[in-house]
């Protein structure tokens, strides 16, 4: 392996992380998707922070995180569909086919709510299965969300088709630092 090969791999990985294969989203969709990403992460962080060593050991913490992700996703999609059906003129002179396409887009744009709960639930399940101590599983679950919160700036630039800047990276790190302090305080002071 030459020196150039690892650089090429890093460059490809970097491009995959900071650019969308299908190009940038239109601003309205980018805003909806980012809203779902932020909303999902905040609610999952709250669910993780509400867990206790006992709830982790009994498995209810992992179930609560999955239930939070699933029900929040359903509520979000339901609210969008109700609003769209109650105010059809918001879609202009769209045909039924165009409205169906928009509904699928709305569904897709809400997926970050679901994805925010999967890995934290897995971390909490590891505590339930006694693979790792309950406190560690809570720290890892909270850490996953802190990392996701840290990447809000990167996600924003990615879905808008912009280059990642150092300023955006610093903003993400500052946001993650605050989120991490909240999780650490909860885990160590709240139990």
N, C-alpha and C. Protein backbone atom coordinates (compact mmCIF):
# COMPACT_ATOMS: atom_id res chain seq x y z
N UNK A 1 0.85 -1.17 0.00
CA UNK A 1 0.00 0.00 0.00
C UNK A 1 0.89 1.24 0.00
N UNK A 2 0.63 2.15 -0.89
CA UNK A 2 1.42 3.37 -0.98
C UNK A 2 0.85 4.43 -0.05
N UNK A 3 1.63 5.50 0.12
CA UNK A 3 1.16 6.61 0.96
C UNK A 3 -0.09 7.26 0.40
N UNK A 4 -0.26 7.21 -0.91
CA UNK A 4 -1.41 7.87 -1.54
C UNK A 4 -2.71 7.10 -1.28
N UNK A 5 -2.62 5.77 -1.14
CA UNK A 5 -3.83 4.97 -0.97
C UNK A 5 -4.63 5.33 0.29
N UNK A 6 -4.00 5.46 1.48
CA UNK A 6 -4.81 5.85 2.65
C UNK A 6 -5.43 7.23 2.47
N UNK A 7 -4.70 8.15 1.84
CA UNK A 7 -5.24 9.48 1.62
C UNK A 7 -6.47 9.43 0.73
N UNK A 8 -6.44 8.57 -0.29
CA UNK A 8 -7.58 8.43 -1.19
C UNK A 8 -8.78 7.89 -0.40
N UNK A 9 -8.54 6.91 0.44
CA UNK A 9 -9.63 6.35 1.24
C UNK A 9 -10.22 7.40 2.17
N UNK A 10 -9.36 8.17 2.83
CA UNK A 10 -9.86 9.22 3.71
C UNK A 10 -10.65 10.25 2.93
N UNK A 11 -10.16 10.57 1.76
CA UNK A 11 -10.85 11.56 0.94
C UNK A 11 -12.22 11.04 0.54
N UNK A 12 -12.30 9.79 0.14
CA UNK A 12 -13.60 9.21 -0.21
C UNK A 12 -14.52 9.17 0.99
N UNK A 13 -14.00 8.79 2.14
CA UNK A 13 -14.80 8.76 3.36
C UNK A 13 -15.27 10.18 3.69
N UNK A 14 -14.37 11.12 3.62
CA UNK A 14 -14.73 12.52 3.89
C UNK A 14 -15.84 12.98 2.95
N UNK A 15 -15.67 12.70 1.66
CA UNK A 15 -16.69 13.11 0.70
C UNK A 15 -18.02 12.44 1.00
N UNK A 16 -18.00 11.18 1.37
CA UNK A 16 -19.24 10.47 1.68
C UNK A 16 -19.93 11.09 2.89
N UNK A 17 -19.15 11.52 3.86
CA UNK A 17 -19.72 12.11 5.07
C UNK A 17 -20.26 13.52 4.84
N UNK A 18 -19.64 14.27 3.95
CA UNK A 18 -20.03 15.68 3.83
C UNK A 18 -20.78 16.02 2.55
N UNK A 19 -21.01 15.05 1.67
CA UNK A 19 -21.80 15.34 0.46
C UNK A 19 -22.86 14.26 0.27
N UNK A 20 -23.98 14.66 -0.27
CA UNK A 20 -25.06 13.72 -0.58
C UNK A 20 -24.84 13.17 -1.98
N UNK A 21 -25.08 11.90 -2.16
CA UNK A 21 -24.93 11.28 -3.48
C UNK A 21 -25.89 11.90 -4.49
N UNK A 22 -27.08 12.26 -4.04
CA UNK A 22 -28.10 12.83 -4.93
C UNK A 22 -28.04 14.35 -5.00
N UNK A 23 -26.99 14.94 -4.45
CA UNK A 23 -26.87 16.39 -4.46
C UNK A 23 -27.65 17.02 -3.32
N UNK A 24 -27.60 18.34 -3.24
CA UNK A 24 -28.28 19.02 -2.14
C UNK A 24 -29.79 18.91 -2.24
N UNK A 25 -30.44 19.00 -1.09
CA UNK A 25 -31.90 19.02 -1.04
C UNK A 25 -32.37 20.45 -1.30
N UNK A 26 -33.59 20.57 -1.81
CA UNK A 26 -34.16 21.91 -1.95
C UNK A 26 -34.33 22.47 -0.53
N UNK A 27 -34.28 23.79 -0.36
CA UNK A 27 -34.29 24.38 0.99
C UNK A 27 -35.44 23.92 1.89
N UNK A 28 -36.65 23.80 1.37
CA UNK A 28 -37.78 23.39 2.22
C UNK A 28 -37.58 21.97 2.74
N UNK A 29 -37.11 21.07 1.89
CA UNK A 29 -36.85 19.69 2.34
C UNK A 29 -35.66 19.64 3.28
N UNK A 30 -34.64 20.41 3.01
CA UNK A 30 -33.47 20.45 3.89
C UNK A 30 -33.90 20.90 5.29
N UNK A 31 -34.75 21.91 5.35
CA UNK A 31 -35.23 22.41 6.65
C UNK A 31 -36.06 21.34 7.36
N UNK A 32 -36.93 20.64 6.64
CA UNK A 32 -37.75 19.59 7.26
C UNK A 32 -36.87 18.46 7.79
N UNK A 33 -35.90 18.06 6.99
CA UNK A 33 -35.04 16.95 7.41
C UNK A 33 -34.17 17.35 8.61
N UNK A 34 -33.63 18.55 8.58
CA UNK A 34 -32.82 19.01 9.70
C UNK A 34 -33.68 19.15 10.96
N UNK A 35 -34.89 19.63 10.81
CA UNK A 35 -35.81 19.75 11.94
C UNK A 35 -36.05 18.38 12.57
N UNK A 36 -36.28 17.38 11.75
CA UNK A 36 -36.50 16.01 12.25
C UNK A 36 -35.24 15.48 12.94
N UNK A 37 -34.08 15.78 12.39
CA UNK A 37 -32.81 15.33 12.96
C UNK A 37 -32.62 15.93 14.36
N UNK A 38 -32.81 17.23 14.47
CA UNK A 38 -32.63 17.91 15.75
C UNK A 38 -33.70 17.45 16.75
N UNK A 39 -34.94 17.44 16.32
CA UNK A 39 -36.06 17.05 17.17
C UNK A 39 -35.86 15.62 17.70
N UNK A 40 -35.53 14.70 16.82
CA UNK A 40 -35.32 13.32 17.23
C UNK A 40 -34.20 13.19 18.24
N UNK A 41 -33.09 13.86 17.99
CA UNK A 41 -31.95 13.77 18.91
C UNK A 41 -32.28 14.35 20.28
N UNK A 42 -32.99 15.46 20.32
CA UNK A 42 -33.33 16.07 21.61
C UNK A 42 -34.25 15.15 22.41
N UNK A 43 -35.27 14.59 21.76
CA UNK A 43 -36.20 13.71 22.48
C UNK A 43 -35.53 12.41 22.92
N UNK A 44 -34.65 11.87 22.09
CA UNK A 44 -33.95 10.65 22.49
C UNK A 44 -32.97 10.94 23.62
N UNK A 45 -32.30 12.09 23.57
CA UNK A 45 -31.41 12.45 24.67
C UNK A 45 -32.21 12.55 25.97
N UNK A 46 -33.40 13.11 25.90
CA UNK A 46 -34.25 13.20 27.09
C UNK A 46 -34.63 11.80 27.59
N UNK A 47 -34.94 10.90 26.67
CA UNK A 47 -35.30 9.53 27.06
C UNK A 47 -34.11 8.80 27.68
N UNK A 48 -32.92 9.00 27.10
CA UNK A 48 -31.72 8.38 27.66
C UNK A 48 -31.43 8.97 29.04
N UNK A 49 -31.55 10.28 29.16
CA UNK A 49 -31.28 10.94 30.44
C UNK A 49 -32.27 10.51 31.52
N UNK A 50 -33.46 10.11 31.12
CA UNK A 50 -34.47 9.67 32.09
C UNK A 50 -34.23 8.24 32.57
N UNK A 51 -33.33 7.53 31.92
CA UNK A 51 -33.09 6.14 32.32
C UNK A 51 -32.30 6.10 33.63
N UNK A 52 -32.51 5.02 34.34
CA UNK A 52 -31.81 4.78 35.61
C UNK A 52 -31.10 3.44 35.49
N UNK A 53 -30.14 3.17 36.38
CA UNK A 53 -29.51 1.85 36.33
C UNK A 53 -30.53 0.71 36.41
N UNK A 54 -31.56 0.90 37.23
CA UNK A 54 -32.60 -0.13 37.35
C UNK A 54 -33.38 -0.33 36.06
N UNK A 55 -33.74 0.78 35.40
CA UNK A 55 -34.50 0.65 34.14
C UNK A 55 -33.63 0.06 33.03
N UNK A 56 -32.32 0.32 33.09
CA UNK A 56 -31.42 -0.28 32.11
C UNK A 56 -31.32 -1.77 32.36
N UNK A 57 -31.12 -2.16 33.62
CA UNK A 57 -30.98 -3.57 33.96
C UNK A 57 -32.25 -4.38 33.70
N UNK A 58 -33.41 -3.74 33.76
CA UNK A 58 -34.68 -4.43 33.48
C UNK A 58 -35.05 -4.37 32.00
N UNK A 59 -34.31 -3.62 31.20
CA UNK A 59 -34.59 -3.54 29.77
C UNK A 59 -35.59 -2.47 29.38
N UNK A 60 -36.20 -1.82 30.37
CA UNK A 60 -37.22 -0.83 30.03
C UNK A 60 -36.62 0.44 29.43
N UNK A 61 -35.37 0.75 29.74
CA UNK A 61 -34.75 1.96 29.18
C UNK A 61 -34.61 1.83 27.67
N UNK A 62 -34.15 0.68 27.19
CA UNK A 62 -34.01 0.47 25.74
C UNK A 62 -35.37 0.52 25.06
N UNK A 63 -36.37 -0.08 25.69
CA UNK A 63 -37.72 -0.06 25.13
C UNK A 63 -38.25 1.37 25.09
N UNK A 64 -38.00 2.14 26.15
CA UNK A 64 -38.45 3.53 26.19
C UNK A 64 -37.82 4.35 25.06
N UNK A 65 -36.54 4.14 24.81
CA UNK A 65 -35.87 4.89 23.74
C UNK A 65 -36.46 4.50 22.38
N UNK A 66 -36.65 3.21 22.14
CA UNK A 66 -37.26 2.78 20.87
C UNK A 66 -38.69 3.29 20.74
N UNK A 67 -39.45 3.23 21.83
CA UNK A 67 -40.83 3.72 21.80
C UNK A 67 -40.87 5.23 21.56
N UNK A 68 -39.94 5.95 22.16
CA UNK A 68 -39.87 7.40 21.94
C UNK A 68 -39.59 7.70 20.48
N UNK A 69 -38.62 7.00 19.90
CA UNK A 69 -38.29 7.23 18.48
C UNK A 69 -39.48 6.87 17.59
N UNK A 70 -40.07 5.71 17.82
CA UNK A 70 -41.18 5.26 16.98
C UNK A 70 -42.42 6.12 17.08
N UNK A 71 -42.82 6.44 18.30
CA UNK A 71 -44.05 7.24 18.46
C UNK A 71 -43.84 8.69 18.03
N UNK A 72 -42.64 9.22 18.23
CA UNK A 72 -42.36 10.58 17.76
C UNK A 72 -42.39 10.64 16.24
N UNK A 73 -41.82 9.62 15.60
CA UNK A 73 -41.86 9.54 14.14
C UNK A 73 -43.31 9.50 13.65
N UNK A 74 -44.11 8.61 14.24
CA UNK A 74 -45.51 8.49 13.83
C UNK A 74 -46.28 9.79 14.07
N UNK A 75 -46.07 10.42 15.21
CA UNK A 75 -46.77 11.67 15.51
C UNK A 75 -46.36 12.77 14.53
N UNK A 76 -45.09 12.82 14.20
CA UNK A 76 -44.58 13.83 13.27
C UNK A 76 -45.19 13.64 11.87
N UNK A 77 -45.17 12.41 11.39
CA UNK A 77 -45.72 12.11 10.07
C UNK A 77 -47.23 12.36 10.06
N UNK A 78 -47.92 11.91 11.10
CA UNK A 78 -49.36 12.12 11.20
C UNK A 78 -49.69 13.61 11.18
N UNK A 79 -48.96 14.40 11.94
CA UNK A 79 -49.20 15.85 11.98
C UNK A 79 -49.00 16.47 10.60
N UNK A 80 -47.97 16.05 9.89
CA UNK A 80 -47.74 16.57 8.53
C UNK A 80 -48.89 16.20 7.60
N UNK A 81 -49.35 14.96 7.68
CA UNK A 81 -50.45 14.53 6.81
C UNK A 81 -51.75 15.26 7.14
N UNK A 82 -52.03 15.44 8.42
CA UNK A 82 -53.24 16.18 8.81
C UNK A 82 -53.16 17.61 8.31
N UNK A 83 -52.03 18.26 8.54
CA UNK A 83 -51.88 19.65 8.09
C UNK A 83 -52.02 19.76 6.58
N UNK A 84 -51.42 18.84 5.85
CA UNK A 84 -51.51 18.87 4.38
C UNK A 84 -52.93 18.64 3.89
N UNK A 85 -53.66 17.76 4.56
CA UNK A 85 -55.03 17.49 4.12
C UNK A 85 -55.98 18.62 4.51
N UNK A 86 -55.69 19.31 5.60
CA UNK A 86 -56.55 20.39 6.05
C UNK A 86 -56.32 21.70 5.29
N UNK A 87 -55.11 21.84 4.74
CA UNK A 87 -54.78 23.06 3.99
C UNK A 87 -54.23 22.64 2.63
N UNK A 88 -55.09 22.07 1.77
CA UNK A 88 -54.60 21.56 0.48
C UNK A 88 -54.05 22.66 -0.43
N UNK A 89 -54.51 23.90 -0.25
CA UNK A 89 -54.01 24.97 -1.11
C UNK A 89 -52.53 25.27 -0.86
N UNK A 90 -51.98 24.73 0.22
CA UNK A 90 -50.55 24.90 0.47
C UNK A 90 -49.72 24.22 -0.61
N UNK A 91 -50.33 23.27 -1.30
CA UNK A 91 -49.64 22.57 -2.38
C UNK A 91 -49.95 23.17 -3.74
N UNK A 92 -50.66 24.29 -3.76
CA UNK A 92 -50.99 24.94 -5.03
C UNK A 92 -51.95 24.08 -5.83
N UNK A 93 -51.72 23.98 -7.10
CA UNK A 93 -52.57 23.20 -8.00
C UNK A 93 -51.99 21.81 -8.23
N UNK A 94 -51.44 21.21 -7.19
CA UNK A 94 -50.81 19.90 -7.32
C UNK A 94 -51.85 18.83 -7.64
N UNK A 95 -51.44 17.90 -8.49
CA UNK A 95 -52.30 16.76 -8.82
C UNK A 95 -52.23 15.76 -7.66
N UNK A 96 -53.12 14.77 -7.71
CA UNK A 96 -53.08 13.72 -6.68
C UNK A 96 -51.73 13.01 -6.68
N UNK A 97 -51.20 12.77 -7.87
CA UNK A 97 -49.90 12.10 -7.99
C UNK A 97 -48.79 12.94 -7.34
N UNK A 98 -48.82 14.24 -7.57
CA UNK A 98 -47.82 15.13 -6.98
C UNK A 98 -47.97 15.19 -5.46
N UNK A 99 -49.22 15.17 -4.98
CA UNK A 99 -49.44 15.16 -3.53
C UNK A 99 -48.93 13.86 -2.90
N UNK A 100 -49.12 12.75 -3.60
CA UNK A 100 -48.61 11.47 -3.09
C UNK A 100 -47.08 11.50 -3.02
N UNK A 101 -46.47 12.07 -4.06
CA UNK A 101 -45.01 12.18 -4.08
C UNK A 101 -44.53 13.04 -2.92
N UNK A 102 -45.23 14.14 -2.65
CA UNK A 102 -44.89 15.02 -1.52
C UNK A 102 -45.04 14.28 -0.20
N UNK A 103 -46.08 13.44 -0.09
CA UNK A 103 -46.28 12.66 1.14
C UNK A 103 -45.12 11.71 1.38
N UNK A 104 -44.64 11.08 0.31
CA UNK A 104 -43.48 10.18 0.43
C UNK A 104 -42.24 10.98 0.85
N UNK A 105 -42.08 12.17 0.28
CA UNK A 105 -40.96 13.03 0.68
C UNK A 105 -41.05 13.39 2.17
N UNK A 106 -42.25 13.71 2.63
CA UNK A 106 -42.45 14.04 4.05
C UNK A 106 -42.07 12.85 4.93
N UNK A 107 -42.48 11.67 4.50
CA UNK A 107 -42.14 10.45 5.23
C UNK A 107 -40.63 10.27 5.30
N UNK A 108 -39.97 10.42 4.16
CA UNK A 108 -38.51 10.27 4.10
C UNK A 108 -37.80 11.32 4.95
N UNK A 109 -38.31 12.53 4.92
CA UNK A 109 -37.66 13.61 5.67
C UNK A 109 -37.82 13.46 7.18
N UNK A 110 -38.74 12.61 7.62
CA UNK A 110 -38.93 12.37 9.06
C UNK A 110 -38.08 11.20 9.58
N UNK A 111 -37.44 10.46 8.69
CA UNK A 111 -36.65 9.29 9.09
C UNK A 111 -35.56 9.60 10.12
N UNK A 112 -34.92 10.78 10.10
CA UNK A 112 -33.92 11.05 11.14
C UNK A 112 -34.46 10.94 12.57
N UNK A 113 -35.75 11.10 12.75
CA UNK A 113 -36.34 10.90 14.08
C UNK A 113 -36.17 9.44 14.49
N UNK A 114 -36.46 8.53 13.57
CA UNK A 114 -36.30 7.10 13.86
C UNK A 114 -34.84 6.73 14.07
N UNK A 115 -33.98 7.21 13.19
CA UNK A 115 -32.57 6.82 13.27
C UNK A 115 -31.90 7.32 14.54
N UNK A 116 -32.43 8.36 15.14
CA UNK A 116 -31.82 8.89 16.36
C UNK A 116 -31.91 7.92 17.53
N UNK A 117 -32.86 7.00 17.51
CA UNK A 117 -33.05 6.10 18.64
C UNK A 117 -32.42 4.73 18.52
N UNK A 118 -31.97 4.34 17.34
CA UNK A 118 -31.54 2.95 17.16
C UNK A 118 -30.26 2.60 17.92
N UNK A 119 -29.19 3.35 17.72
CA UNK A 119 -27.92 3.02 18.38
C UNK A 119 -28.00 3.25 19.89
N UNK A 120 -28.61 4.35 20.36
CA UNK A 120 -28.75 4.48 21.82
C UNK A 120 -29.54 3.32 22.45
N UNK A 121 -30.57 2.86 21.78
CA UNK A 121 -31.33 1.71 22.31
C UNK A 121 -30.45 0.47 22.36
N UNK A 122 -29.61 0.29 21.34
CA UNK A 122 -28.69 -0.84 21.33
C UNK A 122 -27.70 -0.74 22.50
N UNK A 123 -27.19 0.45 22.76
CA UNK A 123 -26.26 0.64 23.89
C UNK A 123 -26.95 0.31 25.22
N UNK A 124 -28.19 0.74 25.37
CA UNK A 124 -28.94 0.44 26.60
C UNK A 124 -29.26 -1.05 26.69
N UNK A 125 -29.50 -1.68 25.56
CA UNK A 125 -29.75 -3.13 25.55
C UNK A 125 -28.51 -3.90 25.99
N UNK A 126 -27.33 -3.38 25.66
CA UNK A 126 -26.09 -4.03 26.12
C UNK A 126 -25.99 -3.99 27.64
N UNK A 127 -26.48 -2.93 28.24
CA UNK A 127 -26.53 -2.87 29.70
C UNK A 127 -27.55 -3.84 30.27
N UNK A 128 -28.68 -3.96 29.60
CA UNK A 128 -29.73 -4.89 30.02
C UNK A 128 -29.22 -6.33 29.95
N UNK A 129 -28.45 -6.64 28.91
CA UNK A 129 -27.91 -7.99 28.73
C UNK A 129 -26.65 -8.24 29.56
N UNK A 130 -26.26 -7.26 30.36
CA UNK A 130 -25.07 -7.33 31.22
C UNK A 130 -23.77 -7.51 30.44
N UNK A 131 -23.76 -7.06 29.20
CA UNK A 131 -22.53 -7.08 28.41
C UNK A 131 -21.61 -5.98 28.92
N UNK A 132 -22.19 -4.86 29.29
CA UNK A 132 -21.46 -3.75 29.90
C UNK A 132 -22.27 -3.26 31.10
N UNK A 133 -21.62 -2.58 32.05
CA UNK A 133 -22.37 -2.07 33.21
C UNK A 133 -23.43 -1.05 32.78
N UNK A 134 -24.49 -0.96 33.56
CA UNK A 134 -25.61 -0.06 33.23
C UNK A 134 -25.15 1.39 33.08
N UNK A 135 -24.28 1.84 33.96
CA UNK A 135 -23.82 3.23 33.89
C UNK A 135 -23.05 3.47 32.59
N UNK A 136 -22.25 2.50 32.17
CA UNK A 136 -21.52 2.63 30.91
C UNK A 136 -22.47 2.65 29.72
N UNK A 137 -23.49 1.81 29.79
CA UNK A 137 -24.43 1.78 28.66
C UNK A 137 -25.17 3.11 28.54
N UNK A 138 -25.49 3.72 29.69
CA UNK A 138 -26.14 5.03 29.65
C UNK A 138 -25.19 6.10 29.11
N UNK A 139 -23.93 6.05 29.53
CA UNK A 139 -22.94 6.99 29.01
C UNK A 139 -22.76 6.82 27.51
N UNK A 140 -22.68 5.58 27.05
CA UNK A 140 -22.51 5.34 25.61
C UNK A 140 -23.74 5.80 24.83
N UNK A 141 -24.93 5.50 25.35
CA UNK A 141 -26.16 5.92 24.67
C UNK A 141 -26.23 7.44 24.59
N UNK A 142 -25.91 8.10 25.70
CA UNK A 142 -25.88 9.56 25.69
C UNK A 142 -24.79 10.09 24.79
N UNK A 143 -23.65 9.40 24.78
CA UNK A 143 -22.53 9.81 23.92
C UNK A 143 -22.88 9.76 22.45
N UNK A 144 -23.63 8.75 22.05
CA UNK A 144 -24.06 8.65 20.65
C UNK A 144 -24.88 9.88 20.27
N UNK A 145 -25.79 10.27 21.14
CA UNK A 145 -26.63 11.44 20.84
C UNK A 145 -25.79 12.72 20.86
N UNK A 146 -24.84 12.80 21.78
CA UNK A 146 -23.95 13.97 21.81
C UNK A 146 -23.18 14.08 20.49
N UNK A 147 -22.69 12.96 19.98
CA UNK A 147 -21.99 12.98 18.69
C UNK A 147 -22.95 13.41 17.59
N UNK A 148 -24.17 12.90 17.60
CA UNK A 148 -25.15 13.32 16.59
C UNK A 148 -25.44 14.81 16.69
N UNK A 149 -25.53 15.31 17.92
CA UNK A 149 -25.75 16.74 18.10
C UNK A 149 -24.54 17.53 17.58
N UNK A 150 -23.34 17.00 17.83
CA UNK A 150 -22.13 17.66 17.33
C UNK A 150 -22.10 17.74 15.82
N UNK A 151 -22.76 16.80 15.17
CA UNK A 151 -22.74 16.78 13.70
C UNK A 151 -23.87 17.58 13.07
N UNK A 152 -24.66 18.29 13.87
CA UNK A 152 -25.76 19.08 13.30
C UNK A 152 -25.24 20.03 12.22
N UNK A 153 -24.14 20.70 12.51
CA UNK A 153 -23.58 21.63 11.52
C UNK A 153 -23.15 20.89 10.25
N UNK A 154 -22.53 19.72 10.42
CA UNK A 154 -22.10 18.95 9.27
C UNK A 154 -23.30 18.46 8.47
N UNK A 155 -24.33 18.00 9.15
CA UNK A 155 -25.55 17.55 8.47
C UNK A 155 -26.18 18.71 7.71
N UNK A 156 -26.21 19.88 8.34
CA UNK A 156 -26.78 21.06 7.68
C UNK A 156 -26.04 21.36 6.38
N UNK A 157 -24.72 21.40 6.46
CA UNK A 157 -23.93 21.71 5.25
C UNK A 157 -24.11 20.62 4.20
N UNK A 158 -24.20 19.37 4.65
CA UNK A 158 -24.34 18.24 3.72
C UNK A 158 -25.65 18.31 2.95
N UNK A 159 -26.76 18.52 3.64
CA UNK A 159 -28.05 18.50 2.94
C UNK A 159 -28.27 19.76 2.11
N UNK A 160 -27.52 20.80 2.42
CA UNK A 160 -27.62 22.03 1.63
C UNK A 160 -26.63 22.05 0.47
N UNK A 161 -25.69 21.10 0.47
CA UNK A 161 -24.71 21.04 -0.61
C UNK A 161 -23.55 22.00 -0.42
N UNK A 162 -23.33 22.46 0.81
CA UNK A 162 -22.23 23.39 1.09
C UNK A 162 -21.02 22.64 1.62
N UNK A 163 -19.85 23.25 1.47
CA UNK A 163 -18.63 22.68 2.03
C UNK A 163 -18.63 22.86 3.54
N UNK A 164 -18.05 21.91 4.21
CA UNK A 164 -17.92 21.99 5.66
C UNK A 164 -16.82 23.00 5.99
N UNK A 165 -17.13 23.95 6.84
CA UNK A 165 -16.14 24.97 7.22
C UNK A 165 -15.65 24.71 8.63
N UNK A 166 -14.52 25.30 8.94
CA UNK A 166 -13.96 25.17 10.28
C UNK A 166 -14.90 25.80 11.31
N UNK A 167 -15.53 26.89 10.95
CA UNK A 167 -16.48 27.56 11.84
C UNK A 167 -17.66 26.64 12.16
N UNK A 168 -18.18 25.95 11.14
CA UNK A 168 -19.28 25.02 11.36
C UNK A 168 -18.84 23.88 12.27
N UNK A 169 -17.63 23.40 12.06
CA UNK A 169 -17.09 22.33 12.89
C UNK A 169 -16.97 22.78 14.35
N UNK A 170 -16.47 23.99 14.56
CA UNK A 170 -16.37 24.53 15.92
C UNK A 170 -17.74 24.70 16.57
N UNK A 171 -18.71 25.15 15.78
CA UNK A 171 -20.08 25.29 16.30
C UNK A 171 -20.63 23.95 16.76
N UNK A 172 -20.39 22.92 15.97
CA UNK A 172 -20.84 21.58 16.35
C UNK A 172 -20.16 21.08 17.61
N UNK A 173 -18.86 21.33 17.72
CA UNK A 173 -18.13 20.91 18.91
C UNK A 173 -18.61 21.65 20.16
N UNK A 174 -18.89 22.93 20.03
CA UNK A 174 -19.41 23.70 21.17
C UNK A 174 -20.77 23.17 21.60
N UNK A 175 -21.63 22.89 20.64
CA UNK A 175 -22.95 22.35 20.95
C UNK A 175 -22.82 20.99 21.62
N UNK A 176 -21.93 20.16 21.11
CA UNK A 176 -21.72 18.83 21.67
C UNK A 176 -21.15 18.91 23.08
N UNK A 177 -20.29 19.87 23.33
CA UNK A 177 -19.71 20.03 24.66
C UNK A 177 -20.80 20.31 25.69
N UNK A 178 -21.70 21.20 25.36
CA UNK A 178 -22.81 21.50 26.27
C UNK A 178 -23.67 20.26 26.48
N UNK A 179 -23.99 19.55 25.39
CA UNK A 179 -24.81 18.33 25.50
C UNK A 179 -24.08 17.28 26.34
N UNK A 180 -22.77 17.13 26.14
CA UNK A 180 -21.99 16.15 26.90
C UNK A 180 -21.99 16.48 28.38
N UNK A 181 -21.85 17.75 28.71
CA UNK A 181 -21.87 18.16 30.12
C UNK A 181 -23.21 17.84 30.77
N UNK A 182 -24.28 18.02 30.02
CA UNK A 182 -25.61 17.70 30.53
C UNK A 182 -25.73 16.20 30.81
N UNK A 183 -25.27 15.38 29.86
CA UNK A 183 -25.34 13.93 30.03
C UNK A 183 -24.47 13.49 31.20
N UNK A 184 -23.24 13.99 31.28
CA UNK A 184 -22.34 13.61 32.37
C UNK A 184 -22.91 14.01 33.73
N UNK A 185 -23.44 15.22 33.81
CA UNK A 185 -24.03 15.67 35.07
C UNK A 185 -25.19 14.78 35.47
N UNK A 186 -26.00 14.41 34.51
CA UNK A 186 -27.17 13.57 34.81
C UNK A 186 -26.72 12.19 35.28
N UNK A 187 -25.76 11.59 34.57
CA UNK A 187 -25.34 10.23 34.89
C UNK A 187 -24.64 10.18 36.25
N UNK A 188 -23.75 11.14 36.51
CA UNK A 188 -22.97 11.07 37.75
C UNK A 188 -23.62 11.76 38.94
N UNK A 189 -24.41 12.78 38.70
CA UNK A 189 -25.05 13.48 39.82
C UNK A 189 -26.48 13.02 40.06
N UNK A 190 -27.10 12.47 39.02
CA UNK A 190 -28.51 12.09 39.13
C UNK A 190 -28.74 10.71 39.71
N UNK A 191 -27.68 9.94 39.91
CA UNK A 191 -27.86 8.57 40.43
C UNK A 191 -27.21 8.41 41.77
